[in-house]
N, C-alpha and C. Protein backbone atom coordinates (compact mmCIF):
# COMPACT_ATOMS: atom_id res chain seq x y z
N UNK A 1 26.34 0.70 11.81
CA UNK A 1 25.19 -0.04 11.42
C UNK A 1 24.14 0.88 10.86
N UNK A 2 23.54 0.49 9.74
CA UNK A 2 22.39 1.26 9.17
C UNK A 2 21.14 0.52 9.38
N UNK A 3 20.11 1.26 9.57
CA UNK A 3 18.72 0.70 9.70
C UNK A 3 17.88 1.16 8.52
N UNK A 4 17.32 0.31 7.74
CA UNK A 4 16.58 0.69 6.61
C UNK A 4 15.07 0.55 6.96
N UNK A 5 14.28 1.55 6.52
CA UNK A 5 12.84 1.49 6.80
C UNK A 5 12.15 2.33 5.73
N UNK A 6 10.88 2.18 5.60
CA UNK A 6 10.08 2.86 4.65
C UNK A 6 9.38 4.04 5.39
N UNK A 7 9.48 5.21 4.78
CA UNK A 7 8.78 6.34 5.31
C UNK A 7 7.71 6.83 4.34
N UNK A 8 6.49 6.99 4.79
CA UNK A 8 5.41 7.40 3.96
C UNK A 8 5.18 8.90 4.13
N UNK A 9 5.24 9.69 3.13
CA UNK A 9 5.02 11.11 3.17
C UNK A 9 3.89 11.50 2.35
N UNK A 10 3.10 12.48 2.80
CA UNK A 10 2.04 12.94 1.96
C UNK A 10 2.72 13.73 0.77
N UNK A 11 1.99 13.87 -0.28
CA UNK A 11 2.54 14.47 -1.47
C UNK A 11 3.16 15.90 -1.27
N UNK A 12 2.40 16.78 -0.51
CA UNK A 12 2.92 18.07 -0.32
C UNK A 12 4.19 18.07 0.48
N UNK A 13 4.34 17.23 1.54
CA UNK A 13 5.56 17.22 2.30
C UNK A 13 6.71 16.63 1.40
N UNK A 14 6.44 15.59 0.64
CA UNK A 14 7.47 15.08 -0.25
C UNK A 14 8.00 16.13 -1.30
N UNK A 15 7.02 16.84 -1.80
CA UNK A 15 7.42 17.90 -2.85
C UNK A 15 8.24 18.94 -2.18
N UNK A 16 7.84 19.31 -0.92
CA UNK A 16 8.53 20.45 -0.26
C UNK A 16 9.94 19.95 0.10
N UNK A 17 10.07 18.66 0.54
CA UNK A 17 11.37 18.11 0.83
C UNK A 17 12.27 18.09 -0.41
N UNK A 18 11.67 17.74 -1.53
CA UNK A 18 12.39 17.74 -2.82
C UNK A 18 12.93 19.17 -3.13
N UNK A 19 12.05 20.17 -2.88
CA UNK A 19 12.41 21.59 -3.15
C UNK A 19 13.59 21.93 -2.28
N UNK A 20 13.52 21.63 -0.99
CA UNK A 20 14.57 21.99 -0.08
C UNK A 20 15.83 21.30 -0.42
N UNK A 21 15.73 19.98 -0.75
CA UNK A 21 16.83 19.16 -1.13
C UNK A 21 17.54 19.72 -2.36
N UNK A 22 16.79 20.13 -3.33
CA UNK A 22 17.29 20.72 -4.58
C UNK A 22 18.08 22.00 -4.29
N UNK A 23 17.46 22.81 -3.37
CA UNK A 23 17.98 24.10 -2.99
C UNK A 23 19.39 23.92 -2.29
N UNK A 24 19.49 22.91 -1.49
CA UNK A 24 20.69 22.67 -0.71
C UNK A 24 21.68 21.70 -1.39
N UNK A 25 21.23 21.17 -2.59
CA UNK A 25 22.14 20.30 -3.30
C UNK A 25 22.26 18.87 -2.81
N UNK A 26 21.12 18.46 -2.13
CA UNK A 26 21.09 17.12 -1.63
C UNK A 26 19.97 16.33 -2.28
N UNK A 27 19.99 14.99 -2.09
CA UNK A 27 18.81 14.24 -2.49
C UNK A 27 17.79 14.28 -1.43
N UNK A 28 16.56 13.87 -1.77
CA UNK A 28 15.50 13.92 -0.70
C UNK A 28 15.85 13.15 0.47
N UNK A 29 16.47 11.94 0.35
CA UNK A 29 16.78 11.08 1.51
C UNK A 29 17.94 11.69 2.28
N UNK A 30 18.91 12.26 1.60
CA UNK A 30 19.97 12.96 2.40
C UNK A 30 19.48 14.20 3.11
N UNK A 31 18.51 14.86 2.55
CA UNK A 31 17.94 16.03 3.19
C UNK A 31 17.14 15.51 4.47
N UNK A 32 16.44 14.44 4.37
CA UNK A 32 15.66 13.97 5.48
C UNK A 32 16.67 13.51 6.58
N UNK A 33 17.78 12.81 6.20
CA UNK A 33 18.73 12.38 7.14
C UNK A 33 19.41 13.57 7.86
N UNK A 34 19.73 14.60 7.07
CA UNK A 34 20.29 15.80 7.69
C UNK A 34 19.29 16.44 8.70
N UNK A 35 18.07 16.49 8.25
CA UNK A 35 17.06 17.14 9.14
C UNK A 35 16.82 16.31 10.37
N UNK A 36 16.90 14.99 10.33
CA UNK A 36 16.74 14.17 11.51
C UNK A 36 17.96 14.42 12.43
N UNK A 37 19.18 14.51 11.92
CA UNK A 37 20.31 14.74 12.71
C UNK A 37 20.24 16.15 13.39
N UNK A 38 19.77 17.16 12.71
CA UNK A 38 19.61 18.44 13.28
C UNK A 38 18.58 18.48 14.44
N UNK A 39 17.51 17.68 14.20
CA UNK A 39 16.42 17.59 15.20
C UNK A 39 16.99 16.94 16.46
N UNK A 40 17.76 15.87 16.31
CA UNK A 40 18.36 15.26 17.47
C UNK A 40 19.37 16.17 18.15
N UNK A 41 20.21 16.87 17.37
CA UNK A 41 21.19 17.83 17.97
C UNK A 41 20.45 18.90 18.76
N UNK A 42 19.33 19.45 18.20
CA UNK A 42 18.57 20.46 18.91
C UNK A 42 17.90 19.89 20.19
N UNK A 43 17.39 18.71 20.07
CA UNK A 43 16.79 18.04 21.29
C UNK A 43 17.77 17.90 22.37
N UNK A 44 19.01 17.43 22.00
CA UNK A 44 20.04 17.11 23.00
C UNK A 44 20.51 18.37 23.61
N UNK A 45 20.64 19.45 22.80
CA UNK A 45 21.09 20.71 23.36
C UNK A 45 20.10 21.35 24.43
N UNK A 46 18.79 20.99 24.28
CA UNK A 46 17.86 21.42 25.21
C UNK A 46 17.57 20.51 26.40
N UNK A 47 17.81 19.20 26.20
CA UNK A 47 17.42 18.20 27.16
C UNK A 47 18.58 17.25 27.60
N UNK A 48 19.80 17.46 27.09
CA UNK A 48 20.88 16.61 27.44
C UNK A 48 21.08 15.48 26.46
N UNK A 49 22.31 14.94 26.46
CA UNK A 49 22.64 13.94 25.49
C UNK A 49 21.83 12.66 25.73
N UNK A 50 21.37 12.05 24.64
CA UNK A 50 20.69 10.87 24.69
C UNK A 50 21.68 9.68 24.81
N UNK A 51 21.66 8.97 25.87
CA UNK A 51 22.65 7.87 26.07
C UNK A 51 21.97 6.54 25.76
N UNK A 52 22.49 5.85 24.78
CA UNK A 52 21.98 4.57 24.35
C UNK A 52 22.91 3.50 24.81
N UNK A 53 22.40 2.37 25.33
CA UNK A 53 23.35 1.28 25.68
C UNK A 53 23.23 0.18 24.60
N UNK A 54 24.17 -0.76 24.68
CA UNK A 54 24.25 -1.84 23.75
C UNK A 54 22.92 -2.61 23.59
N UNK A 55 22.22 -2.77 24.65
CA UNK A 55 21.00 -3.50 24.68
C UNK A 55 19.89 -2.85 23.87
N UNK A 56 20.03 -1.48 23.56
CA UNK A 56 19.01 -0.80 22.76
C UNK A 56 19.38 -0.74 21.33
N UNK A 57 20.50 -1.34 20.96
CA UNK A 57 20.92 -1.46 19.56
C UNK A 57 21.88 -0.35 19.15
N UNK A 58 22.50 0.38 20.18
CA UNK A 58 23.51 1.36 19.82
C UNK A 58 24.80 0.69 19.43
N UNK A 59 25.55 1.41 18.70
CA UNK A 59 26.87 0.76 18.22
C UNK A 59 27.97 1.14 19.26
């Protein structure tokens, strides 16, 4: 399941994400998705796995 939402970025952050995305060969949205997944992976490595149940909308 995918969840769509709008993310508002200031111009500097958006331009920097575009730069990084271009550098890594991704689109801005793919770069943001990758960064989110890395953030979650880092959080879980430090704090333990995040366990979601069906009631919270997990698949």
